[in-house]
C-alpha cells in the first residue's frame, strides 16, 4: 500500500477543493481506508 499523511478539504459553500496547509497533515501516515458521508458528517474508517 501507498501510505500518505496529506489531507484534503472540500468547501461545500464554494464548491472547490482547498489546498491543504502543512499543519493539516495527519500525525501518522495511513493507507487503504474508506470515507463516506453519514448524517452530514464525513466518516473515515479502517486503514493501515
PDB file of N, CA and C in Angstrom:
ATOM      1  N   UNK A   1       0.828  -1.208   0.000  1.00  0.00           N
ATOM      2  CA  UNK A   1       0.000   0.000   0.000  1.00  0.00           C
ATOM      3  C   UNK A   1       0.862   1.259   0.000  1.00  0.00           C
ATOM      4  N   UNK A   2       0.287   2.329  -0.476  1.00  0.00           N
ATOM      5  CA  UNK A   2       0.966   3.627  -0.512  1.00  0.00           C
ATOM      6  C   UNK A   2       0.476   4.460   0.669  1.00  0.00           C
ATOM      7  N   UNK A   3       1.340   4.726   1.637  1.00  0.00           N
ATOM      8  CA  UNK A   3       0.969   5.472   2.837  1.00  0.00           C
ATOM      9  C   UNK A   3       1.147   6.968   2.603  1.00  0.00           C
ATOM     10  N   UNK A   4       0.173   7.764   3.060  1.00  0.00           N
ATOM     11  CA  UNK A   4       0.237   9.218   2.908  1.00  0.00           C
ATOM     12  C   UNK A   4      -0.152   9.895   4.217  1.00  0.00           C
ATOM     13  N   UNK A   5       0.330  11.110   4.403  1.00  0.00           N
ATOM     14  CA  UNK A   5      -0.037  11.896   5.577  1.00  0.00           C
ATOM     15  C   UNK A   5      -0.793  13.161   5.184  1.00  0.00           C
ATOM     16  N   UNK A   6      -1.077  13.308   3.905  1.00  0.00           N
ATOM     17  CA  UNK A   6      -1.767  14.504   3.438  1.00  0.00           C
ATOM     18  C   UNK A   6      -3.265  14.425   3.722  1.00  0.00           C
ATOM     19  N   UNK A   7      -3.890  15.579   3.776  1.00  0.00           N
ATOM     20  CA  UNK A   7      -5.340  15.664   3.930  1.00  0.00           C
ATOM     21  C   UNK A   7      -5.889  16.508   2.787  1.00  0.00           C
ATOM     22  N   UNK A   8      -7.162  16.385   2.532  1.00  0.00           N
ATOM     23  CA  UNK A   8      -7.816  17.193   1.513  1.00  0.00           C
ATOM     24  C   UNK A   8      -9.104  17.744   2.096  1.00  0.00           C
ATOM     25  N   UNK A   9      -9.451  18.961   1.702  1.00  0.00           N
ATOM     26  CA  UNK A   9     -10.650  19.599   2.234  1.00  0.00           C
ATOM     27  C   UNK A   9     -11.480  20.165   1.085  1.00  0.00           C
ATOM     28  N   UNK A  10     -12.768  19.890   1.115  1.00  0.00           N
ATOM     29  CA  UNK A  10     -13.687  20.387   0.095  1.00  0.00           C
ATOM     30  C   UNK A  10     -14.611  21.406   0.733  1.00  0.00           C
ATOM     31  N   UNK A  11     -14.693  22.589   0.163  1.00  0.00           N
ATOM     32  CA  UNK A  11     -15.574  23.648   0.658  1.00  0.00           C
ATOM     33  C   UNK A  11     -16.925  23.520  -0.033  1.00  0.00           C
ATOM     34  N   UNK A  12     -17.935  23.063   0.701  1.00  0.00           N
ATOM     35  CA  UNK A  12     -19.262  22.860   0.116  1.00  0.00           C
ATOM     36  C   UNK A  12     -19.899  24.160  -0.355  1.00  0.00           C
ATOM     37  N   UNK A  13     -19.679  25.244   0.379  1.00  0.00           N
ATOM     38  CA  UNK A  13     -20.284  26.522   0.008  1.00  0.00           C
ATOM     39  C   UNK A  13     -19.733  27.053  -1.310  1.00  0.00           C
ATOM     40  N   UNK A  14     -18.419  26.915  -1.517  1.00  0.00           N
ATOM     41  CA  UNK A  14     -17.785  27.420  -2.733  1.00  0.00           C
ATOM     42  C   UNK A  14     -17.698  26.376  -3.838  1.00  0.00           C
ATOM     43  N   UNK A  15     -17.838  25.104  -3.468  1.00  0.00           N
ATOM     44  CA  UNK A  15     -17.749  24.034  -4.457  1.00  0.00           C
ATOM     45  C   UNK A  15     -16.345  23.823  -4.995  1.00  0.00           C
ATOM     46  N   UNK A  16     -15.347  24.032  -4.129  1.00  0.00           N
ATOM     47  CA  UNK A  16     -13.956  23.889  -4.573  1.00  0.00           C
ATOM     48  C   UNK A  16     -13.148  23.089  -3.552  1.00  0.00           C
ATOM     49  N   UNK A  17     -12.049  22.492  -4.037  1.00  0.00           N
ATOM     50  CA  UNK A  17     -11.098  21.827  -3.155  1.00  0.00           C
ATOM     51  C   UNK A  17     -10.122  22.868  -2.649  1.00  0.00           C
ATOM     52  N   UNK A  18      -9.819  22.834  -1.364  1.00  0.00           N
ATOM     53  CA  UNK A  18      -8.901  23.781  -0.745  1.00  0.00           C
ATOM     54  C   UNK A  18      -7.536  23.117  -0.620  1.00  0.00           C
ATOM     55  N   UNK A  19      -6.508  23.849  -1.015  1.00  0.00           N
ATOM     56  CA  UNK A  19      -5.149  23.319  -0.917  1.00  0.00           C
ATOM     57  C   UNK A  19      -4.792  23.145   0.556  1.00  0.00           C
ATOM     58  N   UNK A  20      -4.343  21.947   0.937  1.00  0.00           N
ATOM     59  CA  UNK A  20      -4.022  21.712   2.352  1.00  0.00           C
ATOM     60  C   UNK A  20      -2.785  22.481   2.791  1.00  0.00           C
ATOM     61  N   UNK A  21      -2.786  22.881   4.053  1.00  0.00           N
ATOM     62  CA  UNK A  21      -1.611  23.549   4.613  1.00  0.00           C
ATOM     63  C   UNK A  21      -0.717  22.502   5.274  1.00  0.00           C
ATOM     64  N   UNK A  22       0.472  22.902   5.632  1.00  0.00           N
ATOM     65  CA  UNK A  22       1.400  21.963   6.280  1.00  0.00           C
ATOM     66  C   UNK A  22       0.865  21.509   7.629  1.00  0.00           C
ATOM     67  N   UNK A  23       0.068  22.348   8.285  1.00  0.00           N
ATOM     68  CA  UNK A  23      -0.455  21.997   9.609  1.00  0.00           C
ATOM     69  C   UNK A  23      -1.641  21.049   9.532  1.00  0.00           C
ATOM     70  N   UNK A  24      -2.177  20.828   8.334  1.00  0.00           N
ATOM     71  CA  UNK A  24      -3.335  19.944   8.217  1.00  0.00           C
ATOM     72  C   UNK A  24      -2.940  18.498   7.909  1.00  0.00           C
ATOM     73  N   UNK A  25      -1.663  18.192   7.984  1.00  0.00           N
ATOM     74  CA  UNK A  25      -1.217  16.813   7.752  1.00  0.00           C
ATOM     75  C   UNK A  25      -1.551  15.938   8.957  1.00  0.00           C
ATOM     76  N   UNK A  26      -1.797  14.657   8.680  1.00  0.00           N
ATOM     77  CA  UNK A  26      -2.051  13.701   9.754  1.00  0.00           C
ATOM     78  C   UNK A  26      -0.745  13.372  10.468  1.00  0.00           C
ATOM     79  N   UNK A  27      -0.830  13.076  11.750  1.00  0.00           N
ATOM     80  CA  UNK A  27       0.377  12.729  12.514  1.00  0.00           C
ATOM     81  C   UNK A  27       0.984  11.423  12.031  1.00  0.00           C
ATOM     82  N   UNK A  28       0.129  10.467  11.691  1.00  0.00           N
ATOM     83  CA  UNK A  28       0.580   9.158  11.215  1.00  0.00           C
ATOM     84  C   UNK A  28       0.120   8.951   9.778  1.00  0.00           C
ATOM     85  N   UNK A  29       0.996   8.433   8.937  1.00  0.00           N
ATOM     86  CA  UNK A  29       0.610   8.124   7.562  1.00  0.00           C
ATOM     87  C   UNK A  29      -0.382   6.969   7.561  1.00  0.00           C
ATOM     88  N   UNK A  30      -1.330   6.990   6.607  1.00  0.00           N
ATOM     89  CA  UNK A  30      -2.354   5.955   6.525  1.00  0.00           C
ATOM     90  C   UNK A  30      -2.492   5.482   5.087  1.00  0.00           C
ATOM     91  N   UNK A  31      -3.061   4.281   4.937  1.00  0.00           N
ATOM     92  CA  UNK A  31      -3.321   3.713   3.612  1.00  0.00           C
ATOM     93  C   UNK A  31      -4.547   2.817   3.696  1.00  0.00           C
ATOM     94  N   UNK A  32      -5.177   2.598   2.559  1.00  0.00           N
ATOM     95  CA  UNK A  32      -6.278   1.642   2.423  1.00  0.00           C
ATOM     96  C   UNK A  32      -7.461   1.909   3.347  1.00  0.00           C
ATOM     97  N   UNK A  33      -7.836   3.166   3.535  1.00  0.00           N
ATOM     98  CA  UNK A  33      -9.008   3.486   4.333  1.00  0.00           C
ATOM     99  C   UNK A  33     -10.157   3.893   3.419  1.00  0.00           C
ATOM    100  N   UNK A  34     -11.345   3.989   3.964  1.00  0.00           N
ATOM    101  CA  UNK A  34     -12.508   4.436   3.197  1.00  0.00           C
ATOM    102  C   UNK A  34     -13.136   5.622   3.917  1.00  0.00           C
ATOM    103  N   UNK A  35     -13.841   6.448   3.164  1.00  0.00           N
ATOM    104  CA  UNK A  35     -14.535   7.597   3.746  1.00  0.00           C
ATOM    105  C   UNK A  35     -15.919   7.698   3.133  1.00  0.00           C
ATOM    106  N   UNK A  36     -16.849   8.194   3.914  1.00  0.00           N
ATOM    107  CA  UNK A  36     -18.208   8.376   3.423  1.00  0.00           C
ATOM    108  C   UNK A  36     -18.928   9.420   4.256  1.00  0.00           C
ATOM    109  N   UNK A  37     -20.091   9.814   3.799  1.00  0.00           N
ATOM    110  CA  UNK A  37     -20.900  10.813   4.489  1.00  0.00           C
ATOM    111  C   UNK A  37     -22.033  10.108   5.228  1.00  0.00           C
ATOM    112  N   UNK A  38     -22.203  10.444   6.497  1.00  0.00           N
ATOM    113  CA  UNK A  38     -23.243   9.841   7.319  1.00  0.00           C
ATOM    114  C   UNK A  38     -23.812  10.918   8.233  1.00  0.00           C
ATOM    115  N   UNK A  39     -25.068  11.246   8.036  1.00  0.00           N
ATOM    116  CA  UNK A  39     -25.700  12.253   8.886  1.00  0.00           C
ATOM    117  C   UNK A  39     -25.047  13.613   8.823  1.00  0.00           C
ATOM    118  N   UNK A  40     -24.554  14.012   7.657  1.00  0.00           N
ATOM    119  CA  UNK A  40     -23.920  15.314   7.498  1.00  0.00           C
ATOM    120  C   UNK A  40     -22.476  15.370   7.968  1.00  0.00           C
ATOM    121  N   UNK A  41     -21.916  14.238   8.352  1.00  0.00           N
ATOM    122  CA  UNK A  41     -20.523  14.179   8.788  1.00  0.00           C
ATOM    123  C   UNK A  41     -19.743  13.250   7.873  1.00  0.00           C
ATOM    124  N   UNK A  42     -18.464  13.534   7.710  1.00  0.00           N
ATOM    125  CA  UNK A  42     -17.595  12.647   6.944  1.00  0.00           C
ATOM    126  C   UNK A  42     -16.961  11.672   7.926  1.00  0.00           C
ATOM    127  N   UNK A  43     -17.122  10.389   7.636  1.00  0.00           N
ATOM    128  CA  UNK A  43     -16.586   9.341   8.491  1.00  0.00           C
ATOM    129  C   UNK A  43     -15.474   8.621   7.733  1.00  0.00           C
ATOM    130  N   UNK A  44     -14.318   8.467   8.365  1.00  0.00           N
ATOM    131  CA  UNK A  44     -13.194   7.731   7.789  1.00  0.00           C
ATOM    132  C   UNK A  44     -12.974   6.504   8.657  1.00  0.00           C
ATOM    133  N   UNK A  45     -12.883   5.340   8.008  1.00  0.00           N
ATOM    134  CA  UNK A  45     -12.763   4.100   8.776  1.00  0.00           C
ATOM    135  C   UNK A  45     -11.735   3.167   8.154  1.00  0.00           C
ATOM    136  N   UNK A  46     -11.190   2.310   9.003  1.00  0.00           N
ATOM    137  CA  UNK A  46     -10.272   1.281   8.537  1.00  0.00           C
ATOM    138  C   UNK A  46      -8.903   1.828   8.219  1.00  0.00           C
ATOM    139  N   UNK A  47      -8.200   1.094   7.440  1.00  0.00           N
ATOM    140  CA  UNK A  47      -6.875   1.503   7.009  1.00  0.00           C
ATOM    141  C   UNK A  47      -5.761   0.875   7.813  1.00  0.00           C
ATOM    142  N   UNK A  48      -4.585   1.164   7.352  1.00  0.00           N
ATOM    143  CA  UNK A  48      -3.375   0.645   7.990  1.00  0.00           C
ATOM    144  C   UNK A  48      -2.598   1.778   8.614  1.00  0.00           C
TER     145      UNK A  48
END
